[in-house]
Amino acid sequence: MWKLLITLNKNLFIAIPVMLFLGFTCGVLFEPTSLKHAIVPLTFLMVYPMMVTLKVRKVLQRGDGKAQWLAQAINFGIIPFAVLLIGRLFFPNEPYLALGLLLAGLVPTSGMTISWTGFAKGNVEAAVKMTVIGLVLGSLATPVYVKLLLGADIDMDLSLVVRQIVLIVFLPMGAGHLTQSLLLRRYGQEAFQKRMALRFPALSALGVLGIVFVAMALKAKSIYQSPELLLSIFVPIVIIYALNFTLSTWIGRRLLPRGDTIALVYGTVMRNLSIALALAINAFGAQGTAAALVVALAYVVQVQSAAWYVKFTDRIFGPAVRAAMPAMAALTAEAAASVYPTNRQRA
């Protein structure tokens, strides 16, 4: 079973479109209302396992301060407002679709920030810190940004959103840290990394796929009646990711060395869509399914765009120093395992 789950986790770029299709089929053929009861357990299954492997202490390590400040300036000073503008342009009369775009742009970063930085031969240690800082700051900032930027357009209970952030992020983070400490104490670091580290993200992938299925099923009849809705969602998502890649690359090339620039790119483009998805479907009532659909489709664009950027990295920055490559590969594996020991297709 674990091999199957790990395989699914490594191929989310295929599994997510399949679950979108299955969810659509289910939602059209059957009444999907009862699926709402699965949202809470699926949310826990999605978020808690990835917290078990999160090491907050990494953020206390010194170095690459300029890259860290630039990453958070882009994440919270530029991207949310650019996403808001794009959302208003494409969805002037669909505030919950605009909400989905905003949520997808508010919570950096995913575990794949570390992995993709390593694949592109960037500064993995900087990516580790960006992952932890982005997750904490994004969780704290999300309710404030949503209230300030879209509070007039959507039905929003700020206290409910804050409670959901606590339940979805900080409670699982505390439980995950406790679980990690207990497992390390009982089995040791080596056994934890080799035997258990890959299993928790695999469980998280099950939650992701389940939530994607539910979100699509609940929205299926609307899409069936207006199939152009999917295309109208995909276009702004692609624009947002293209803008983010271009902006981060441009800023990094002018202000940072090669390795830090690559970390900056993946530390600002890769979003924690699992948390965004959980928020969309838990904190905004029935209308939140529209926002959740946007986030689910963002998974597909995020994974594919990250993979293509790796292929063009040497053309953009020039080849990495070959002598550093073996050390970088080892560091990538160690850092990815210590924060989010995920897979090649985790988003």
C-alpha atoms as a PDB file:
ATOM      1  CA  MET A   1       0.000   0.000   0.000  1.00  0.00           C
ATOM      2  CA  TRP A   2       2.786   2.409   0.885  1.00  0.00           C
ATOM      3  CA  LYS A   3       4.415   1.938  -2.506  1.00  0.00           C
ATOM      4  CA  LEU A   4       1.134   2.869  -4.180  1.00  0.00           C
ATOM      5  CA  LEU A   5       0.718   5.966  -2.003  1.00  0.00           C
ATOM      6  CA  ILE A   6       4.313   7.076  -2.602  1.00  0.00           C
ATOM      7  CA  THR A   7       3.826   6.575  -6.339  1.00  0.00           C
ATOM      8  CA  LEU A   8       0.677   8.716  -6.221  1.00  0.00           C
ATOM      9  CA  ASN A   9       2.584  11.375  -4.308  1.00  0.00           C
ATOM     10  CA  LYS A  10       5.310  11.395  -6.945  1.00  0.00           C
ATOM     11  CA  ASN A  11       2.776  11.770  -9.744  1.00  0.00           C
ATOM     12  CA  LEU A  12       0.324  14.368  -8.483  1.00  0.00           C
ATOM     13  CA  PHE A  13       0.572  16.133 -11.837  1.00  0.00           C
ATOM     14  CA  ILE A  14      -1.255  13.111 -13.292  1.00  0.00           C
ATOM     15  CA  ALA A  15      -3.336  12.115 -10.264  1.00  0.00           C
ATOM     16  CA  ILE A  16      -4.909  15.539  -9.741  1.00  0.00           C
ATOM     17  CA  PRO A  17      -6.365  15.851 -13.274  1.00  0.00           C
ATOM     18  CA  VAL A  18      -7.669  12.285 -12.932  1.00  0.00           C
ATOM     19  CA  MET A  19      -9.385  13.144  -9.645  1.00  0.00           C
ATOM     20  CA  LEU A  20     -10.798  16.314 -11.178  1.00  0.00           C
ATOM     21  CA  PHE A  21     -12.345  14.208 -13.938  1.00  0.00           C
ATOM     22  CA  LEU A  22     -13.677  11.599 -11.502  1.00  0.00           C
ATOM     23  CA  GLY A  23     -15.084  14.299  -9.247  1.00  0.00           C
ATOM     24  CA  PHE A  24     -16.770  15.969 -12.200  1.00  0.00           C
ATOM     25  CA  THR A  25     -18.302  12.673 -13.322  1.00  0.00           C
ATOM     26  CA  CYS A  26     -19.532  11.895  -9.812  1.00  0.00           C
ATOM     27  CA  GLY A  27     -20.992  15.364  -9.365  1.00  0.00           C
ATOM     28  CA  VAL A  28     -22.881  15.227 -12.651  1.00  0.00           C
ATOM     29  CA  LEU A  29     -24.271  11.706 -12.238  1.00  0.00           C
ATOM     30  CA  PHE A  30     -25.073  11.793  -8.517  1.00  0.00           C
ATOM     31  CA  GLU A  31     -26.074  14.245  -5.834  1.00  0.00           C
ATOM     32  CA  PRO A  32     -22.734  15.168  -4.187  1.00  0.00           C
ATOM     33  CA  THR A  33     -24.050  17.042  -1.140  1.00  0.00           C
ATOM     34  CA  SER A  34     -23.215  14.212   1.270  1.00  0.00           C
ATOM     35  CA  LEU A  35     -19.534  14.525   0.328  1.00  0.00           C
ATOM     36  CA  LYS A  36     -19.346  17.644   2.490  1.00  0.00           C
ATOM     37  CA  HIS A  37     -19.109  15.366   5.530  1.00  0.00           C
ATOM     38  CA  ALA A  38     -15.727  14.131   4.256  1.00  0.00           C
ATOM     39  CA  ILE A  39     -14.186  17.608   4.175  1.00  0.00           C
ATOM     40  CA  VAL A  40     -12.988  17.781   7.796  1.00  0.00           C
ATOM     41  CA  PRO A  41     -11.272  14.359   7.933  1.00  0.00           C
ATOM     42  CA  LEU A  42      -9.753  14.918   4.482  1.00  0.00           C
ATOM     43  CA  THR A  43      -8.430  18.311   5.584  1.00  0.00           C
ATOM     44  CA  PHE A  44      -6.716  16.737   8.606  1.00  0.00           C
ATOM     45  CA  LEU A  45      -5.324  13.948   6.410  1.00  0.00           C
ATOM     46  CA  MET A  46      -3.964  16.567   4.009  1.00  0.00           C
ATOM     47  CA  VAL A  47      -2.309  18.976   6.453  1.00  0.00           C
ATOM     48  CA  TYR A  48      -1.157  17.028   9.526  1.00  0.00           C
ATOM     49  CA  PRO A  49       1.220  14.550   7.797  1.00  0.00           C
ATOM     50  CA  MET A  50       3.241  17.295   6.101  1.00  0.00           C
ATOM     51  CA  MET A  51       3.649  19.028   9.469  1.00  0.00           C
ATOM     52  CA  VAL A  52       5.252  15.929  11.001  1.00  0.00           C
ATOM     53  CA  THR A  53       8.372  16.484   8.897  1.00  0.00           C
ATOM     54  CA  LEU A  54       8.556  20.274   9.263  1.00  0.00           C
ATOM     55  CA  LYS A  55      11.619  21.518  11.177  1.00  0.00           C
ATOM     56  CA  VAL A  56      10.997  25.064  12.317  1.00  0.00           C
ATOM     57  CA  ARG A  57      14.493  25.323  13.832  1.00  0.00           C
ATOM     58  CA  LYS A  58      15.976  25.644  10.356  1.00  0.00           C
ATOM     59  CA  VAL A  59      14.820  29.257  10.257  1.00  0.00           C
ATOM     60  CA  LEU A  60      17.255  30.161  13.066  1.00  0.00           C
ATOM     61  CA  GLN A  61      20.290  29.427  10.896  1.00  0.00           C
ATOM     62  CA  ARG A  62      22.127  32.523   9.673  1.00  0.00           C
ATOM     63  CA  GLY A  63      23.044  33.535   6.150  1.00  0.00           C
ATOM     64  CA  ASP A  64      21.317  34.549   2.872  1.00  0.00           C
ATOM     65  CA  GLY A  65      19.409  37.297   4.690  1.00  0.00           C
ATOM     66  CA  LYS A  66      19.040  39.411   1.555  1.00  0.00           C
ATOM     67  CA  ALA A  67      17.369  36.561  -0.315  1.00  0.00           C
ATOM     68  CA  GLN A  68      14.996  35.978   2.621  1.00  0.00           C
ATOM     69  CA  TRP A  69      13.922  39.622   2.783  1.00  0.00           C
ATOM     70  CA  LEU A  70      13.430  39.819  -0.977  1.00  0.00           C
ATOM     71  CA  ALA A  71      11.359  36.621  -0.957  1.00  0.00           C
ATOM     72  CA  GLN A  72       8.947  37.900   1.679  1.00  0.00           C
ATOM     73  CA  ALA A  73       8.759  41.340   0.037  1.00  0.00           C
ATOM     74  CA  ILE A  74       7.633  39.653  -3.182  1.00  0.00           C
ATOM     75  CA  ASN A  75       5.354  37.191  -1.377  1.00  0.00           C
ATOM     76  CA  PHE A  76       3.498  39.779   0.687  1.00  0.00           C
ATOM     77  CA  GLY A  77       4.228  43.149  -0.911  1.00  0.00           C
ATOM     78  CA  ILE A  78       3.712  42.411  -4.607  1.00  0.00           C
ATOM     79  CA  ILE A  79       2.046  39.104  -5.445  1.00  0.00           C
ATOM     80  CA  PRO A  80      -1.194  39.467  -3.400  1.00  0.00           C
ATOM     81  CA  PHE A  81      -1.954  42.829  -5.026  1.00  0.00           C
ATOM     82  CA  ALA A  82      -1.081  41.582  -8.512  1.00  0.00           C
ATOM     83  CA  VAL A  83      -3.325  38.545  -7.966  1.00  0.00           C
ATOM     84  CA  LEU A  84      -6.122  40.806  -6.692  1.00  0.00           C
ATOM     85  CA  LEU A  85      -5.893  42.950  -9.828  1.00  0.00           C
ATOM     86  CA  ILE A  86      -5.933  39.910 -12.121  1.00  0.00           C
ATOM     87  CA  GLY A  87      -8.869  38.454 -10.183  1.00  0.00           C
ATOM     88  CA  ARG A  88     -10.866  41.656 -10.570  1.00  0.00           C
ATOM     89  CA  LEU A  89     -10.087  41.824 -14.284  1.00  0.00           C
ATOM     90  CA  PHE A  90     -11.125  38.243 -15.025  1.00  0.00           C
ATOM     91  CA  PHE A  91     -13.870  37.751 -12.429  1.00  0.00           C
ATOM     92  CA  PRO A  92     -15.515  41.141 -11.845  1.00  0.00           C
ATOM     93  CA  ASN A  93     -18.827  39.458 -11.022  1.00  0.00           C
ATOM     94  CA  GLU A  94     -17.459  36.233  -9.474  1.00  0.00           C
ATOM     95  CA  PRO A  95     -15.875  37.254  -6.163  1.00  0.00           C
ATOM     96  CA  TYR A  96     -15.393  33.670  -4.971  1.00  0.00           C
ATOM     97  CA  LEU A  97     -13.374  32.774  -8.056  1.00  0.00           C
ATOM     98  CA  ALA A  98     -11.280  35.871  -7.338  1.00  0.00           C
ATOM     99  CA  LEU A  99     -10.996  34.617  -3.758  1.00  0.00           C
ATOM    100  CA  GLY A 100      -9.606  31.311  -5.035  1.00  0.00           C
ATOM    101  CA  LEU A 101      -6.897  33.163  -6.951  1.00  0.00           C
ATOM    102  CA  LEU A 102      -6.055  35.258  -3.894  1.00  0.00           C
ATOM    103  CA  LEU A 103      -5.826  32.225  -1.602  1.00  0.00           C
ATOM    104  CA  ALA A 104      -3.582  30.472  -4.128  1.00  0.00           C
ATOM    105  CA  GLY A 105      -1.277  33.492  -4.021  1.00  0.00           C
ATOM    106  CA  LEU A 106      -1.188  34.069  -0.268  1.00  0.00           C
ATOM    107  CA  VAL A 107       0.483  31.039   1.342  1.00  0.00           C
ATOM    108  CA  PRO A 108       4.055  30.397   0.283  1.00  0.00           C
ATOM    109  CA  THR A 109       5.739  27.967   0.133  1.00  0.00           C
ATOM    110  CA  SER A 110       5.314  24.286  -0.618  1.00  0.00           C
ATOM    111  CA  GLY A 111       7.693  21.443   0.160  1.00  0.00           C
ATOM    112  CA  MET A 112       8.626  21.402  -3.493  1.00  0.00           C
ATOM    113  CA  THR A 113      10.312  24.790  -3.018  1.00  0.00           C
ATOM    114  CA  ILE A 114      13.247  22.843  -1.603  1.00  0.00           C
ATOM    115  CA  SER A 115      13.206  20.015  -4.110  1.00  0.00           C
ATOM    116  CA  TRP A 116      12.884  22.182  -7.207  1.00  0.00           C
ATOM    117  CA  THR A 117      15.638  24.501  -5.926  1.00  0.00           C
ATOM    118  CA  GLY A 118      17.889  21.458  -5.630  1.00  0.00           C
ATOM    119  CA  PHE A 119      16.962  20.157  -9.094  1.00  0.00           C
ATOM    120  CA  ALA A 120      17.909  23.571 -10.531  1.00  0.00           C
ATOM    121  CA  LYS A 121      21.171  23.588  -8.509  1.00  0.00           C
ATOM    122  CA  GLY A 122      20.211  26.577  -6.382  1.00  0.00           C
ATOM    123  CA  ASN A 123      20.848  27.440  -2.725  1.00  0.00           C
ATOM    124  CA  VAL A 124      18.930  24.705  -0.908  1.00  0.00           C
ATOM    125  CA  GLU A 125      19.622  26.054   2.595  1.00  0.00           C
ATOM    126  CA  ALA A 126      18.020  29.369   1.607  1.00  0.00           C
ATOM    127  CA  ALA A 127      15.028  27.470   0.205  1.00  0.00           C
ATOM    128  CA  VAL A 128      14.618  25.573   3.489  1.00  0.00           C
ATOM    129  CA  LYS A 129      14.350  28.815   5.456  1.00  0.00           C
ATOM    130  CA  MET A 130      11.999  30.375   2.890  1.00  0.00           C
ATOM    131  CA  THR A 131       9.716  27.365   3.249  1.00  0.00           C
ATOM    132  CA  VAL A 132       9.386  27.687   7.009  1.00  0.00           C
ATOM    133  CA  ILE A 133       9.175  31.503   7.074  1.00  0.00           C
ATOM    134  CA  GLY A 134       6.700  31.615   4.194  1.00  0.00           C
ATOM    135  CA  LEU A 135       4.417  29.033   5.787  1.00  0.00           C
ATOM    136  CA  VAL A 136       4.262  30.829   9.141  1.00  0.00           C
ATOM    137  CA  LEU A 137       3.969  34.376   7.763  1.00  0.00           C
ATOM    138  CA  GLY A 138       1.484  33.317   5.099  1.00  0.00           C
ATOM    139  CA  SER A 139      -0.754  31.654   7.659  1.00  0.00           C
ATOM    140  CA  LEU A 140      -0.719  34.751   9.854  1.00  0.00           C
ATOM    141  CA  ALA A 141      -1.228  37.197   6.977  1.00  0.00           C
ATOM    142  CA  THR A 142      -3.939  35.360   5.027  1.00  0.00           C
ATOM    143  CA  PRO A 143      -7.003  36.381   7.091  1.00  0.00           C
ATOM    144  CA  VAL A 144      -5.807  40.008   7.170  1.00  0.00           C
ATOM    145  CA  TYR A 145      -5.219  40.163   3.411  1.00  0.00           C
ATOM    146  CA  VAL A 146      -8.500  38.460   2.562  1.00  0.00           C
ATOM    147  CA  LYS A 147     -10.417  40.837   4.821  1.00  0.00           C
ATOM    148  CA  LEU A 148      -8.699  43.966   3.513  1.00  0.00           C
ATOM    149  CA  LEU A 149      -8.689  43.038  -0.170  1.00  0.00           C
ATOM    150  CA  LEU A 150     -11.932  41.107  -0.640  1.00  0.00           C
ATOM    151  CA  GLY A 151     -13.881  41.607   2.577  1.00  0.00           C
ATOM    152  CA  ALA A 152     -16.376  43.931   0.878  1.00  0.00           C
ATOM    153  CA  ASP A 153     -17.113  41.428  -1.909  1.00  0.00           C
ATOM    154  CA  ILE A 154     -17.570  38.140  -0.053  1.00  0.00           C
ATOM    155  CA  ASP A 155     -19.390  36.885   3.005  1.00  0.00           C
ATOM    156  CA  MET A 156     -16.552  36.562   5.457  1.00  0.00           C
ATOM    157  CA  ASP A 157     -16.436  35.957   9.183  1.00  0.00           C
ATOM    158  CA  LEU A 158     -12.900  37.020  10.115  1.00  0.00           C
ATOM    159  CA  SER A 159     -12.998  35.146  13.409  1.00  0.00           C
ATOM    160  CA  LEU A 160     -14.017  31.977  11.554  1.00  0.00           C
ATOM    161  CA  VAL A 161     -11.114  32.327   9.115  1.00  0.00           C
ATOM    162  CA  VAL A 162      -8.702  32.865  11.997  1.00  0.00           C
ATOM    163  CA  ARG A 163     -10.062  29.775  13.759  1.00  0.00           C
ATOM    164  CA  GLN A 164      -9.656  27.790  10.568  1.00  0.00           C
ATOM    165  CA  ILE A 165      -6.035  28.959  10.262  1.00  0.00           C
ATOM    166  CA  VAL A 166      -5.409  27.747  13.812  1.00  0.00           C
ATOM    167  CA  LEU A 167      -7.120  24.409  13.134  1.00  0.00           C
ATOM    168  CA  ILE A 168      -5.617  23.881   9.681  1.00  0.00           C
ATOM    169  CA  VAL A 169      -2.061  25.138  10.249  1.00  0.00           C
ATOM    170  CA  PHE A 170      -0.969  25.771  13.826  1.00  0.00           C
ATOM    171  CA  LEU A 171      -2.741  22.908  15.592  1.00  0.00           C
ATOM    172  CA  PRO A 172      -1.413  20.335  13.082  1.00  0.00           C
ATOM    173  CA  MET A 173       2.000  22.044  13.285  1.00  0.00           C
ATOM    174  CA  GLY A 174       2.087  21.542  17.044  1.00  0.00           C
ATOM    175  CA  ALA A 175       0.794  17.978  16.769  1.00  0.00           C
ATOM    176  CA  GLY A 176       3.260  17.264  13.976  1.00  0.00           C
ATOM    177  CA  HIS A 177       6.197  18.581  15.988  1.00  0.00           C
ATOM    178  CA  LEU A 178       5.162  16.419  18.946  1.00  0.00           C
ATOM    179  CA  THR A 179       4.816  13.363  16.686  1.00  0.00           C
ATOM    180  CA  GLN A 180       8.216  14.043  15.135  1.00  0.00           C
ATOM    181  CA  SER A 181       9.863  14.367  18.564  1.00  0.00           C
ATOM    182  CA  LEU A 182       8.325  11.102  19.771  1.00  0.00           C
ATOM    183  CA  LEU A 183       9.340   9.206  16.631  1.00  0.00           C
ATOM    184  CA  LEU A 184      12.889  10.575  16.709  1.00  0.00           C
ATOM    185  CA  ARG A 185      13.216   9.669  20.376  1.00  0.00           C
ATOM    186  CA  ARG A 186      12.006   6.126  19.769  1.00  0.00           C
ATOM    187  CA  TYR A 187      13.558   5.271  16.397  1.00  0.00           C
ATOM    188  CA  GLY A 188      16.392   7.772  15.904  1.00  0.00           C
ATOM    189  CA  GLN A 189      17.125  10.215  13.096  1.00  0.00           C
ATOM    190  CA  GLU A 190      18.345   7.666  10.546  1.00  0.00           C
ATOM    191  CA  ALA A 191      15.379   5.320  10.896  1.00  0.00           C
ATOM    192  CA  PHE A 192      12.962   8.243  10.826  1.00  0.00           C
ATOM    193  CA  GLN A 193      14.374   9.593   7.561  1.00  0.00           C
ATOM    194  CA  LYS A 194      14.718   6.232   5.830  1.00  0.00           C
ATOM    195  CA  ARG A 195      11.591   4.391   6.993  1.00  0.00           C
ATOM    196  CA  MET A 196       8.982   6.995   7.887  1.00  0.00           C
ATOM    197  CA  ALA A 197       9.788  10.297   6.203  1.00  0.00           C
ATOM    198  CA  LEU A 198       8.357   9.303   2.820  1.00  0.00           C
ATOM    199  CA  ARG A 199       5.155   7.879   4.276  1.00  0.00           C
ATOM    200  CA  PHE A 200       3.783  11.054   5.814  1.00  0.00           C
ATOM    201  CA  PRO A 201       3.767  13.081   2.567  1.00  0.00           C
ATOM    202  CA  ALA A 202       2.155  10.082   0.860  1.00  0.00           C
ATOM    203  CA  LEU A 203      -0.695  10.240   3.371  1.00  0.00           C
ATOM    204  CA  SER A 204      -0.949  13.976   2.761  1.00  0.00           C
ATOM    205  CA  ALA A 205      -1.317  13.326  -0.965  1.00  0.00           C
ATOM    206  CA  LEU A 206      -4.382  11.191  -0.227  1.00  0.00           C
ATOM    207  CA  GLY A 207      -5.956  14.154   1.515  1.00  0.00           C
ATOM    208  CA  VAL A 208      -5.107  16.457  -1.390  1.00  0.00           C
ATOM    209  CA  LEU A 209      -6.678  14.099  -3.914  1.00  0.00           C
ATOM    210  CA  GLY A 210      -9.745  13.632  -1.734  1.00  0.00           C
ATOM    211  CA  ILE A 211     -10.306  17.376  -1.340  1.00  0.00           C
ATOM    212  CA  VAL A 212      -9.772  17.927  -5.088  1.00  0.00           C
ATOM    213  CA  PHE A 213     -12.371  15.239  -5.798  1.00  0.00           C
ATOM    214  CA  VAL A 214     -14.893  16.781  -3.388  1.00  0.00           C
ATOM    215  CA  ALA A 215     -14.323  20.332  -4.640  1.00  0.00           C
ATOM    216  CA  MET A 216     -14.881  19.307  -8.250  1.00  0.00           C
ATOM    217  CA  ALA A 217     -17.909  17.121  -7.436  1.00  0.00           C
ATOM    218  CA  LEU A 218     -19.622  19.961  -5.557  1.00  0.00           C
ATOM    219  CA  LYS A 219     -19.029  22.325  -8.471  1.00  0.00           C
ATOM    220  CA  ALA A 220     -19.660  19.800 -11.263  1.00  0.00           C
ATOM    221  CA  LYS A 221     -23.201  20.798 -12.210  1.00  0.00           C
ATOM    222  CA  SER A 222     -22.206  24.451 -12.595  1.00  0.00           C
ATOM    223  CA  ILE A 223     -19.299  23.456 -14.837  1.00  0.00           C
ATOM    224  CA  TYR A 224     -21.523  21.092 -16.837  1.00  0.00           C
ATOM    225  CA  GLN A 225     -23.909  23.957 -17.517  1.00  0.00           C
ATOM    226  CA  SER A 226     -21.062  26.377 -18.326  1.00  0.00           C
ATOM    227  CA  PRO A 227     -18.031  24.382 -19.544  1.00  0.00           C
ATOM    228  CA  GLU A 228     -16.205  27.557 -20.521  1.00  0.00           C
ATOM    229  CA  LEU A 229     -15.766  28.168 -16.780  1.00  0.00           C
ATOM    230  CA  LEU A 230     -12.697  25.904 -16.671  1.00  0.00           C
ATOM    231  CA  LEU A 231     -10.940  27.850 -19.442  1.00  0.00           C
ATOM    232  CA  SER A 232     -11.834  31.149 -17.799  1.00  0.00           C
ATOM    233  CA  ILE A 233     -10.116  29.913 -14.630  1.00  0.00           C
ATOM    234  CA  PHE A 234      -7.026  28.463 -16.309  1.00  0.00           C
ATOM    235  CA  VAL A 235      -6.132  31.661 -18.175  1.00  0.00           C
ATOM    236  CA  PRO A 236      -5.631  33.934 -15.126  1.00  0.00           C
ATOM    237  CA  ILE A 237      -3.807  31.150 -13.271  1.00  0.00           C
ATOM    238  CA  VAL A 238      -1.301  30.830 -16.116  1.00  0.00           C
ATOM    239  CA  ILE A 239      -0.865  34.606 -16.210  1.00  0.00           C
ATOM    240  CA  ILE A 240      -0.203  34.740 -12.462  1.00  0.00           C
ATOM    241  CA  TYR A 241       2.475  32.047 -12.586  1.00  0.00           C
ATOM    242  CA  ALA A 242       4.117  33.569 -15.670  1.00  0.00           C
ATOM    243  CA  LEU A 243       4.204  36.956 -13.952  1.00  0.00           C
ATOM    244  CA  ASN A 244       5.615  35.475 -10.743  1.00  0.00           C
ATOM    245  CA  PHE A 245       8.388  33.545 -12.505  1.00  0.00           C
ATOM    246  CA  THR A 246       9.345  36.584 -14.598  1.00  0.00           C
ATOM    247  CA  LEU A 247       9.339  39.054 -11.708  1.00  0.00           C
ATOM    248  CA  SER A 248      11.317  36.853  -9.301  1.00  0.00           C
ATOM    249  CA  THR A 249      13.869  35.977 -11.975  1.00  0.00           C
ATOM    250  CA  TRP A 250      14.344  39.620 -12.925  1.00  0.00           C
ATOM    251  CA  ILE A 251      14.787  40.794  -9.331  1.00  0.00           C
ATOM    252  CA  GLY A 252      17.062  37.907  -8.405  1.00  0.00           C
ATOM    253  CA  ARG A 253      19.376  38.277 -11.380  1.00  0.00           C
ATOM    254  CA  ARG A 254      19.968  41.916 -10.515  1.00  0.00           C
ATOM    255  CA  LEU A 255      20.405  41.604  -6.771  1.00  0.00           C
ATOM    256  CA  LEU A 256      21.495  38.056  -5.890  1.00  0.00           C
ATOM    257  CA  PRO A 257      24.006  35.380  -6.899  1.00  0.00           C
ATOM    258  CA  ARG A 258      22.832  32.472  -9.045  1.00  0.00           C
ATOM    259  CA  GLY A 259      22.041  30.009  -6.246  1.00  0.00           C
ATOM    260  CA  ASP A 260      20.122  32.510  -4.148  1.00  0.00           C
ATOM    261  CA  THR A 261      18.163  33.679  -7.193  1.00  0.00           C
ATOM    262  CA  ILE A 262      16.951  30.157  -7.924  1.00  0.00           C
ATOM    263  CA  ALA A 263      15.889  29.780  -4.291  1.00  0.00           C
ATOM    264  CA  LEU A 264      14.122  33.140  -4.546  1.00  0.00           C
ATOM    265  CA  VAL A 265      12.208  32.031  -7.626  1.00  0.00           C
ATOM    266  CA  TYR A 266      10.941  28.809  -6.091  1.00  0.00           C
ATOM    267  CA  GLY A 267      10.477  30.478  -2.697  1.00  0.00           C
ATOM    268  CA  THR A 268       8.012  32.922  -4.232  1.00  0.00           C
ATOM    269  CA  VAL A 269       6.364  30.964  -7.040  1.00  0.00           C
ATOM    270  CA  MET A 270       5.663  27.659  -5.288  1.00  0.00           C
ATOM    271  CA  ARG A 271       2.541  28.078  -3.173  1.00  0.00           C
ATOM    272  CA  ASN A 272       1.230  25.909  -0.374  1.00  0.00           C
ATOM    273  CA  LEU A 273      -1.898  24.999  -2.284  1.00  0.00           C
ATOM    274  CA  SER A 274      -2.836  22.321   0.253  1.00  0.00           C
ATOM    275  CA  ILE A 275      -3.436  24.947   2.915  1.00  0.00           C
ATOM    276  CA  ALA A 276      -5.124  27.278   0.418  1.00  0.00           C
ATOM    277  CA  LEU A 277      -7.423  24.444  -0.622  1.00  0.00           C
ATOM    278  CA  ALA A 278      -8.264  23.571   2.977  1.00  0.00           C
ATOM    279  CA  LEU A 279      -9.078  27.196   3.750  1.00  0.00           C
ATOM    280  CA  ALA A 280     -11.223  27.646   0.667  1.00  0.00           C
ATOM    281  CA  ILE A 281     -13.396  24.660   1.378  1.00  0.00           C
ATOM    282  CA  ASN A 282     -13.611  25.035   5.186  1.00  0.00           C
ATOM    283  CA  ALA A 283     -13.779  28.771   5.896  1.00  0.00           C
ATOM    284  CA  PHE A 284     -16.153  30.213   3.297  1.00  0.00           C
ATOM    285  CA  GLY A 285     -19.248  28.046   3.363  1.00  0.00           C
ATOM    286  CA  ALA A 286     -20.935  26.663   0.249  1.00  0.00           C
ATOM    287  CA  GLN A 287     -19.472  29.424  -1.933  1.00  0.00           C
ATOM    288  CA  GLY A 288     -16.004  28.276  -0.975  1.00  0.00           C
ATOM    289  CA  THR A 289     -16.252  25.381  -3.434  1.00  0.00           C
ATOM    290  CA  ALA A 290     -15.777  27.863  -6.284  1.00  0.00           C
ATOM    291  CA  ALA A 291     -12.573  29.126  -4.656  1.00  0.00           C
ATOM    292  CA  ALA A 292     -11.464  25.533  -4.012  1.00  0.00           C
ATOM    293  CA  LEU A 293     -11.889  24.687  -7.694  1.00  0.00           C
ATOM    294  CA  VAL A 294      -9.530  27.525  -8.629  1.00  0.00           C
ATOM    295  CA  VAL A 295      -6.917  26.265  -6.162  1.00  0.00           C
ATOM    296  CA  ALA A 296      -7.281  22.698  -7.430  1.00  0.00           C
ATOM    297  CA  LEU A 297      -6.600  23.803 -10.990  1.00  0.00           C
ATOM    298  CA  ALA A 298      -3.612  25.837  -9.782  1.00  0.00           C
ATOM    299  CA  TYR A 299      -1.971  22.542  -8.736  1.00  0.00           C
ATOM    300  CA  VAL A 300      -1.730  21.510 -12.371  1.00  0.00           C
ATOM    301  CA  VAL A 301      -0.181  24.797 -13.531  1.00  0.00           C
ATOM    302  CA  GLN A 302       2.212  25.030 -10.581  1.00  0.00           C
ATOM    303  CA  VAL A 303       3.758  21.593 -11.048  1.00  0.00           C
ATOM    304  CA  GLN A 304       4.132  21.881 -14.813  1.00  0.00           C
ATOM    305  CA  SER A 305       5.576  25.412 -14.714  1.00  0.00           C
ATOM    306  CA  ALA A 306       8.092  24.456 -12.018  1.00  0.00           C
ATOM    307  CA  ALA A 307       9.289  21.498 -14.066  1.00  0.00           C
ATOM    308  CA  TRP A 308       9.711  23.579 -17.217  1.00  0.00           C
ATOM    309  CA  TYR A 309      11.626  26.260 -15.336  1.00  0.00           C
ATOM    310  CA  VAL A 310      14.172  23.652 -14.248  1.00  0.00           C
ATOM    311  CA  LYS A 311      14.703  22.697 -17.888  1.00  0.00           C
ATOM    312  CA  PHE A 312      15.495  26.293 -18.837  1.00  0.00           C
ATOM    313  CA  THR A 313      17.531  27.182 -15.747  1.00  0.00           C
ATOM    314  CA  ASP A 314      20.935  26.872 -17.426  1.00  0.00           C
ATOM    315  CA  ARG A 315      19.773  29.030 -20.322  1.00  0.00           C
ATOM    316  CA  ILE A 316      18.570  31.715 -17.932  1.00  0.00           C
ATOM    317  CA  PHE A 317      21.465  31.697 -15.449  1.00  0.00           C
ATOM    318  CA  GLY A 318      24.225  29.797 -17.184  1.00  0.00           C
ATOM    319  CA  PRO A 319      25.511  26.389 -16.047  1.00  0.00           C
ATOM    320  CA  ALA A 320      26.168  25.731 -12.365  1.00  0.00           C
ATOM    321  CA  VAL A 321      29.720  25.137 -11.145  1.00  0.00           C
ATOM    322  CA  ARG A 322      30.265  21.424 -11.732  1.00  0.00           C
ATOM    323  CA  ALA A 323      32.516  20.929  -8.734  1.00  0.00           C
ATOM    324  CA  ALA A 324      29.692  21.952  -6.425  1.00  0.00           C
ATOM    325  CA  MET A 325      27.109  19.659  -7.951  1.00  0.00           C
ATOM    326  CA  PRO A 326      27.728  16.459  -5.885  1.00  0.00           C
ATOM    327  CA  ALA A 327      27.675  18.432  -2.640  1.00  0.00           C
ATOM    328  CA  MET A 328      24.538  20.260  -3.738  1.00  0.00           C
ATOM    329  CA  ALA A 329      22.797  16.990  -4.553  1.00  0.00           C
ATOM    330  CA  ALA A 330      23.569  15.606  -1.097  1.00  0.00           C
ATOM    331  CA  LEU A 331      22.449  18.835   0.561  1.00  0.00           C
ATOM    332  CA  THR A 332      19.215  18.810  -1.417  1.00  0.00           C
ATOM    333  CA  ALA A 333      18.353  15.319  -0.228  1.00  0.00           C
ATOM    334  CA  GLU A 334      19.186  16.127   3.391  1.00  0.00           C
ATOM    335  CA  ALA A 335      17.334  19.458   3.434  1.00  0.00           C
ATOM    336  CA  ALA A 336      14.265  18.153   1.649  1.00  0.00           C
ATOM    337  CA  ALA A 337      14.042  15.250   4.069  1.00  0.00           C
ATOM    338  CA  SER A 338      14.455  17.517   7.074  1.00  0.00           C
ATOM    339  CA  VAL A 339      11.653  19.906   6.167  1.00  0.00           C
ATOM    340  CA  TYR A 340       9.239  18.280   3.741  1.00  0.00           C
ATOM    341  CA  PRO A 341      10.627  14.920   2.537  1.00  0.00           C
ATOM    342  CA  THR A 342       8.288  15.066  -0.381  1.00  0.00           C
ATOM    343  CA  ASN A 343       8.504  13.981  -3.961  1.00  0.00           C
ATOM    344  CA  ARG A 344       9.266  15.291  -7.377  1.00  0.00           C
ATOM    345  CA  GLN A 345       5.727  16.313  -8.076  1.00  0.00           C
ATOM    346  CA  ARG A 346       4.538  17.704  -4.737  1.00  0.00           C
ATOM    347  CA  ALA A 347       3.093  21.063  -5.013  1.00  0.00           C
END
